[in-house]
PDB file of all heavy atoms in Angstrom:
ATOM      1  N   ASP A   1      56.721  84.425 121.308  1.00  0.00           N
ATOM      2  CA  ASP A   1      56.899  83.641 122.529  1.00  0.00           C
ATOM      3  C   ASP A   1      56.601  82.166 122.290  1.00  0.00           C
ATOM      4  O   ASP A   1      57.237  81.287 122.900  1.00  0.00           O
ATOM      5  CB  ASP A   1      56.011  84.188 123.644  1.00  0.00           C
ATOM      6  CG  ASP A   1      56.429  85.579 124.104  1.00  0.00           C
ATOM      7  OD1 ASP A   1      57.545  86.011 123.738  1.00  0.00           O
ATOM      8  OD2 ASP A   1      55.636  86.236 124.809  1.00  0.00           O
ATOM      9  N   THR A   2      55.659  81.881 121.398  1.00  0.00           N
ATOM     10  CA  THR A   2      55.336  80.490 121.073  1.00  0.00           C
ATOM     11  C   THR A   2      56.501  79.827 120.356  1.00  0.00           C
ATOM     12  O   THR A   2      56.908  78.698 120.696  1.00  0.00           O
ATOM     13  CB  THR A   2      54.069  80.428 120.202  1.00  0.00           C
ATOM     14  OG1 THR A   2      52.971  81.006 120.918  1.00  0.00           O
ATOM     15  CG2 THR A   2      53.723  78.994 119.846  1.00  0.00           C
ATOM     16  N   ILE A   3      57.055  80.517 119.351  1.00  0.00           N
ATOM     17  CA  ILE A   3      58.217  79.966 118.635  1.00  0.00           C
ATOM     18  C   ILE A   3      59.379  79.764 119.589  1.00  0.00           C
ATOM     19  O   ILE A   3      60.052  78.720 119.578  1.00  0.00           O
ATOM     20  CB  ILE A   3      58.618  80.888 117.466  1.00  0.00           C
ATOM     21  CG1 ILE A   3      57.502  80.934 116.421  1.00  0.00           C
ATOM     22  CG2 ILE A   3      59.922  80.432 116.842  1.00  0.00           C
ATOM     23  CD1 ILE A   3      57.732  81.954 115.318  1.00  0.00           C
ATOM     24  N   ARG A   4      59.626  80.756 120.429  1.00  0.00           N
ATOM     25  CA  ARG A   4      60.742  80.658 121.378  1.00  0.00           C
ATOM     26  C   ARG A   4      60.580  79.458 122.301  1.00  0.00           C
ATOM     27  O   ARG A   4      61.527  78.688 122.510  1.00  0.00           O
ATOM     28  CB  ARG A   4      60.844  81.943 122.199  1.00  0.00           C
ATOM     29  CG  ARG A   4      61.959  81.925 123.246  1.00  0.00           C
ATOM     30  CD  ARG A   4      61.913  83.187 124.088  1.00  0.00           C
ATOM     31  NE  ARG A   4      62.248  84.356 123.299  1.00  0.00           N
ATOM     32  CZ  ARG A   4      61.728  85.573 123.495  1.00  0.00           C
ATOM     33  NH1 ARG A   4      60.800  85.755 124.427  1.00  0.00           N
ATOM     34  NH2 ARG A   4      62.112  86.587 122.752  1.00  0.00           N
ATOM     35  N   ALA A   5      59.385  79.249 122.827  1.00  0.00           N
ATOM     36  CA  ALA A   5      59.156  78.137 123.752  1.00  0.00           C
ATOM     37  C   ALA A   5      59.287  76.792 123.043  1.00  0.00           C
ATOM     38  O   ALA A   5      59.915  75.858 123.559  1.00  0.00           O
ATOM     39  CB  ALA A   5      57.779  78.273 124.400  1.00  0.00           C
ATOM     40  N   ASP A   6      58.699  76.676 121.851  1.00  0.00           N
ATOM     41  CA  ASP A   6      58.693  75.391 121.148  1.00  0.00           C
ATOM     42  C   ASP A   6      60.095  74.996 120.677  1.00  0.00           C
ATOM     43  O   ASP A   6      60.525  73.844 120.851  1.00  0.00           O
ATOM     44  CB  ASP A   6      57.752  75.450 119.947  1.00  0.00           C
ATOM     45  CG  ASP A   6      56.297  75.579 120.343  1.00  0.00           C
ATOM     46  OD1 ASP A   6      55.958  75.278 121.501  1.00  0.00           O
ATOM     47  OD2 ASP A   6      55.487  76.001 119.477  1.00  0.00           O
ATOM     48  N   VAL A   7      60.807  75.924 120.057  1.00  0.00           N
ATOM     49  CA  VAL A   7      62.130  75.595 119.532  1.00  0.00           C
ATOM     50  C   VAL A   7      63.110  75.387 120.686  1.00  0.00           C
ATOM     51  O   VAL A   7      63.985  74.503 120.617  1.00  0.00           O
ATOM     52  CB  VAL A   7      62.618  76.672 118.550  1.00  0.00           C
ATOM     53  CG1 VAL A   7      63.997  76.331 118.021  1.00  0.00           C
ATOM     54  CG2 VAL A   7      61.635  76.827 117.391  1.00  0.00           C
ATOM     55  N   SER A   8      62.965  76.156 121.758  1.00  0.00           N
ATOM     56  CA  SER A   8      63.821  75.942 122.932  1.00  0.00           C
ATOM     57  C   SER A   8      63.648  74.532 123.474  1.00  0.00           C
ATOM     58  O   SER A   8      64.622  73.838 123.790  1.00  0.00           O
ATOM     59  CB  SER A   8      63.500  76.964 124.024  1.00  0.00           C
ATOM     60  OG  SER A   8      63.814  78.274 123.620  1.00  0.00           O
ATOM     61  N   GLU A   9      62.393  74.089 123.568  1.00  0.00           N
ATOM     62  CA  GLU A   9      62.146  72.738 124.083  1.00  0.00           C
ATOM     63  C   GLU A   9      62.794  71.697 123.176  1.00  0.00           C
ATOM     64  O   GLU A   9      63.380  70.712 123.660  1.00  0.00           O
ATOM     65  CB  GLU A   9      60.633  72.494 124.177  1.00  0.00           C
ATOM     66  CG  GLU A   9      60.245  71.207 124.913  1.00  0.00           C
ATOM     67  CD  GLU A   9      60.432  69.956 124.083  1.00  0.00           C
ATOM     68  OE1 GLU A   9      60.215  70.009 122.848  1.00  0.00           O
ATOM     69  OE2 GLU A   9      60.822  68.916 124.661  1.00  0.00           O
ATOM     70  N   ALA A  10      62.719  71.900 121.864  1.00  0.00           N
ATOM     71  CA  ALA A  10      63.256  70.915 120.923  1.00  0.00           C
ATOM     72  C   ALA A  10      64.774  70.839 120.980  1.00  0.00           C
ATOM     73  O   ALA A  10      65.352  69.752 121.057  1.00  0.00           O
ATOM     74  CB  ALA A  10      62.791  71.246 119.505  1.00  0.00           C
ATOM     75  N   VAL A  11      65.446  72.000 120.951  1.00  0.00           N
ATOM     76  CA  VAL A  11      66.915  71.960 120.881  1.00  0.00           C
ATOM     77  C   VAL A  11      67.553  71.614 122.222  1.00  0.00           C
ATOM     78  O   VAL A  11      68.680  71.110 122.268  1.00  0.00           O
ATOM     79  CB  VAL A  11      67.499  73.279 120.333  1.00  0.00           C
ATOM     80  CG1 VAL A  11      66.976  73.551 118.932  1.00  0.00           C
ATOM     81  CG2 VAL A  11      67.241  74.457 121.255  1.00  0.00           C
ATOM     82  N   TRP A  12      66.827  71.861 123.328  1.00  0.00           N
ATOM     83  CA  TRP A  12      67.378  71.532 124.645  1.00  0.00           C
ATOM     84  C   TRP A  12      66.774  70.247 125.204  1.00  0.00           C
ATOM     85  O   TRP A  12      67.025  69.898 126.354  1.00  0.00           O
ATOM     86  CB  TRP A  12      67.147  72.681 125.627  1.00  0.00           C
ATOM     87  CG  TRP A  12      67.975  73.880 125.302  1.00  0.00           C
ATOM     88  CD1 TRP A  12      67.586  74.985 124.616  1.00  0.00           C
ATOM     89  CD2 TRP A  12      69.358  74.087 125.619  1.00  0.00           C
ATOM     90  NE1 TRP A  12      68.627  75.869 124.491  1.00  0.00           N
ATOM     91  CE2 TRP A  12      69.724  75.335 125.099  1.00  0.00           C
ATOM     92  CE3 TRP A  12      70.307  73.321 126.296  1.00  0.00           C
ATOM     93  CZ2 TRP A  12      71.011  75.849 125.230  1.00  0.00           C
ATOM     94  CZ3 TRP A  12      71.591  73.831 126.428  1.00  0.00           C
ATOM     95  CH2 TRP A  12      71.943  75.079 125.897  1.00  0.00           C
ATOM     96  N   ARG A  13      66.011  69.518 124.397  1.00  0.00           N
ATOM     97  CA  ARG A  13      65.404  68.277 124.870  1.00  0.00           C
ATOM     98  C   ARG A  13      66.494  67.295 125.325  1.00  0.00           C
ATOM     99  O   ARG A  13      67.476  67.059 124.635  1.00  0.00           O
ATOM    100  CB  ARG A  13      64.565  67.644 123.757  1.00  0.00           C
ATOM    101  CG  ARG A  13      63.681  66.483 124.228  1.00  0.00           C
ATOM    102  CD  ARG A  13      62.800  65.996 123.096  1.00  0.00           C
ATOM    103  NE  ARG A  13      61.908  67.063 122.609  1.00  0.00           N
ATOM    104  CZ  ARG A  13      61.172  66.956 121.508  1.00  0.00           C
ATOM    105  NH1 ARG A  13      61.244  65.866 120.754  1.00  0.00           N
ATOM    106  NH2 ARG A  13      60.381  67.960 121.146  1.00  0.00           N
ATOM    107  N   GLY A  14      66.303  66.743 126.519  1.00  0.00           N
ATOM    108  CA  GLY A  14      67.285  65.818 127.078  1.00  0.00           C
ATOM    109  C   GLY A  14      68.341  66.482 127.928  1.00  0.00           C
ATOM    110  O   GLY A  14      69.163  65.789 128.540  1.00  0.00           O
ATOM    111  N   SER A  15      68.349  67.817 127.994  1.00  0.00           N
ATOM    112  CA  SER A  15      69.348  68.533 128.778  1.00  0.00           C
ATOM    113  C   SER A  15      68.868  68.729 130.214  1.00  0.00           C
ATOM    114  O   SER A  15      67.682  68.937 130.461  1.00  0.00           O
ATOM    115  CB  SER A  15      69.637  69.897 128.152  1.00  0.00           C
ATOM    116  OG  SER A  15      70.447  70.689 128.988  1.00  0.00           O
ATOM    117  N   ASP A  16      69.813  68.704 131.152  1.00  0.00           N
ATOM    118  CA  ASP A  16      69.487  68.972 132.556  1.00  0.00           C
ATOM    119  C   ASP A  16      69.413  70.462 132.847  1.00  0.00           C
ATOM    120  O   ASP A  16      68.939  70.863 133.909  1.00  0.00           O
ATOM    121  CB  ASP A  16      70.528  68.325 133.474  1.00  0.00           C
ATOM    122  CG  ASP A  16      70.512  66.808 133.401  1.00  0.00           C
ATOM    123  OD1 ASP A  16      69.432  66.253 133.136  1.00  0.00           O
ATOM    124  OD2 ASP A  16      71.579  66.194 133.584  1.00  0.00           O
ATOM    125  N   SER A  17      69.901  71.285 131.928  1.00  0.00           N
ATOM    126  CA  SER A  17      69.907  72.738 132.154  1.00  0.00           C
ATOM    127  C   SER A  17      69.447  73.461 130.889  1.00  0.00           C
ATOM    128  O   SER A  17      70.250  74.127 130.221  1.00  0.00           O
ATOM    129  CB  SER A  17      71.302  73.218 132.563  1.00  0.00           C
ATOM    130  OG  SER A  17      72.276  72.784 131.619  1.00  0.00           O
ATOM    131  N   PRO A  18      68.179  73.300 130.523  1.00  0.00           N
ATOM    132  CA  PRO A  18      67.674  73.932 129.298  1.00  0.00           C
ATOM    133  C   PRO A  18      67.687  75.452 129.395  1.00  0.00           C
ATOM    134  O   PRO A  18      67.579  76.023 130.482  1.00  0.00           O
ATOM    135  CB  PRO A  18      66.248  73.392 129.187  1.00  0.00           C
ATOM    136  CG  PRO A  18      65.864  73.024 130.575  1.00  0.00           C
ATOM    137  CD  PRO A  18      67.126  72.549 131.233  1.00  0.00           C
ATOM    138  N   ARG A  19      67.840  76.098 128.250  1.00  0.00           N
ATOM    139  CA  ARG A  19      67.811  77.549 128.159  1.00  0.00           C
ATOM    140  C   ARG A  19      66.844  77.938 127.053  1.00  0.00           C
ATOM    141  O   ARG A  19      66.330  77.085 126.334  1.00  0.00           O
ATOM    142  CB  ARG A  19      69.218  78.081 127.841  1.00  0.00           C
ATOM    143  CG  ARG A  19      70.208  77.870 128.970  1.00  0.00           C
ATOM    144  CD  ARG A  19      71.649  77.834 128.496  1.00  0.00           C
ATOM    145  NE  ARG A  19      71.987  78.890 127.544  1.00  0.00           N
ATOM    146  CZ  ARG A  19      73.157  78.921 126.881  1.00  0.00           C
ATOM    147  NH1 ARG A  19      74.048  77.984 127.070  1.00  0.00           N
ATOM    148  NH2 ARG A  19      73.403  79.903 126.030  1.00  0.00           N
ATOM    149  N   THR A  20      66.610  79.213 126.924  1.00  0.00           N
ATOM    150  CA  THR A  20      65.749  79.694 125.845  1.00  0.00           C
ATOM    151  C   THR A  20      66.594  80.202 124.694  1.00  0.00           C
ATOM    152  O   THR A  20      67.702  80.719 124.896  1.00  0.00           O
ATOM    153  CB  THR A  20      64.815  80.813 126.335  1.00  0.00           C
ATOM    154  OG1 THR A  20      65.606  81.874 126.882  1.00  0.00           O
ATOM    155  CG2 THR A  20      63.856  80.301 127.393  1.00  0.00           C
ATOM    156  N   ILE A  21      66.079  80.060 123.502  1.00  0.00           N
ATOM    157  CA  ILE A  21      66.753  80.569 122.317  1.00  0.00           C
ATOM    158  C   ILE A  21      66.321  82.012 122.070  1.00  0.00           C
ATOM    159  O   ILE A  21      65.419  82.528 122.724  1.00  0.00           O
ATOM    160  CB  ILE A  21      66.429  79.693 121.096  1.00  0.00           C
ATOM    161  CG1 ILE A  21      64.930  79.794 120.772  1.00  0.00           C
ATOM    162  CG2 ILE A  21      66.826  78.247 121.341  1.00  0.00           C
ATOM    163  CD1 ILE A  21      64.585  79.406 119.362  1.00  0.00           C
ATOM    164  N   GLY A  22      66.962  82.648 121.099  1.00  0.00           N
ATOM    165  CA  GLY A  22      66.582  84.008 120.743  1.00  0.00           C
ATOM    166  C   GLY A  22      65.669  84.020 119.534  1.00  0.00           C
ATOM    167  O   GLY A  22      65.936  83.327 118.542  1.00  0.00           O
ATOM    168  N   VAL A  23      64.591  84.791 119.601  1.00  0.00           N
ATOM    169  CA  VAL A  23      63.670  84.938 118.471  1.00  0.00           C
ATOM    170  C   VAL A  23      63.325  86.414 118.313  1.00  0.00           C
ATOM    171  O   VAL A  23      62.937  87.072 119.281  1.00  0.00           O
ATOM    172  CB  VAL A  23      62.372  84.123 118.673  1.00  0.00           C
ATOM    173  CG1 VAL A  23      61.413  84.359 117.499  1.00  0.00           C
ATOM    174  CG2 VAL A  23      62.673  82.639 118.828  1.00  0.00           C
ATOM    175  N   LYS A  24      63.457  86.922 117.108  1.00  0.00           N
ATOM    176  CA  LYS A  24      63.052  88.292 116.788  1.00  0.00           C
ATOM    177  C   LYS A  24      62.179  88.244 115.548  1.00  0.00           C
ATOM    178  O   LYS A  24      62.580  87.681 114.520  1.00  0.00           O
ATOM    179  CB  LYS A  24      64.279  89.175 116.527  1.00  0.00           C
ATOM    180  CG  LYS A  24      63.931  90.602 116.110  1.00  0.00           C
ATOM    181  CD  LYS A  24      65.192  91.386 115.755  1.00  0.00           C
ATOM    182  CE  LYS A  24      64.848  92.786 115.263  1.00  0.00           C
ATOM    183  NZ  LYS A  24      66.061  93.547 114.846  1.00  0.00           N
ATOM    184  N   LEU A  25      60.988  88.801 115.639  1.00  0.00           N
ATOM    185  CA  LEU A  25      60.103  88.913 114.485  1.00  0.00           C
ATOM    186  C   LEU A  25      60.150  90.338 113.942  1.00  0.00           C
ATOM    187  O   LEU A  25      60.149  91.308 114.706  1.00  0.00           O
ATOM    188  CB  LEU A  25      58.666  88.548 114.858  1.00  0.00           C
ATOM    189  CG  LEU A  25      58.409  87.090 115.264  1.00  0.00           C
ATOM    190  CD1 LEU A  25      56.930  86.877 115.548  1.00  0.00           C
ATOM    191  CD2 LEU A  25      58.891  86.122 114.197  1.00  0.00           C
ATOM    192  N   VAL A  26      60.184  90.447 112.625  1.00  0.00           N
ATOM    193  CA  VAL A  26      60.248  91.750 111.957  1.00  0.00           C
ATOM    194  C   VAL A  26      59.005  91.893 111.087  1.00  0.00           C
ATOM    195  O   VAL A  26      58.784  91.105 110.167  1.00  0.00           O
ATOM    196  CB  VAL A  26      61.512  91.869 111.090  1.00  0.00           C
ATOM    197  CG1 VAL A  26      61.582  93.245 110.432  1.00  0.00           C
ATOM    198  CG2 VAL A  26      62.770  91.596 111.918  1.00  0.00           C
ATOM    199  N   LEU A  27      58.184  92.908 111.382  1.00  0.00           N
ATOM    200  CA  LEU A  27      56.962  93.159 110.623  1.00  0.00           C
ATOM    201  C   LEU A  27      57.264  94.007 109.378  1.00  0.00           C
ATOM    202  O   LEU A  27      58.313  94.655 109.292  1.00  0.00           O
ATOM    203  CB  LEU A  27      55.936  93.860 111.509  1.00  0.00           C
ATOM    204  CG  LEU A  27      55.409  93.025 112.687  1.00  0.00           C
ATOM    205  CD1 LEU A  27      54.473  93.862 113.551  1.00  0.00           C
ATOM    206  CD2 LEU A  27      54.694  91.773 112.177  1.00  0.00           C
ATOM    207  N   PRO A  28      56.358  94.016 108.394  1.00  0.00           N
ATOM    208  CA  PRO A  28      56.635  94.703 107.125  1.00  0.00           C
ATOM    209  C   PRO A  28      57.037  96.159 107.263  1.00  0.00           C
ATOM    210  O   PRO A  28      57.847  96.660 106.462  1.00  0.00           O
ATOM    211  CB  PRO A  28      55.312  94.565 106.356  1.00  0.00           C
ATOM    212  CG  PRO A  28      54.728  93.290 106.866  1.00  0.00           C
ATOM    213  CD  PRO A  28      55.083  93.260 108.325  1.00  0.00           C
ATOM    214  N   GLU A  29      56.486  96.862 108.255  1.00  0.00           N
ATOM    215  CA  GLU A  29      56.849  98.271 108.387  1.00  0.00           C
ATOM    216  C   GLU A  29      58.315  98.471 108.752  1.00  0.00           C
ATOM    217  O   GLU A  29      58.848  99.581 108.636  1.00  0.00           O
ATOM    218  CB  GLU A  29      55.950  98.971 109.422  1.00  0.00           C
ATOM    219  CG  GLU A  29      55.907  98.294 110.778  1.00  0.00           C
ATOM    220  CD  GLU A  29      54.720  97.360 110.926  1.00  0.00           C
ATOM    221  OE1 GLU A  29      54.328  96.732 109.906  1.00  0.00           O
ATOM    222  OE2 GLU A  29      54.185  97.264 112.036  1.00  0.00           O
TER     223      GLU A  29
END
């Protein structure tokens, strides 16, 4: 959720209609 929020803010910075990006983490198992 932290990565999603931070990268979303960066790539949508300056936009009037920001959205969230997709993030999936995969653990070793």
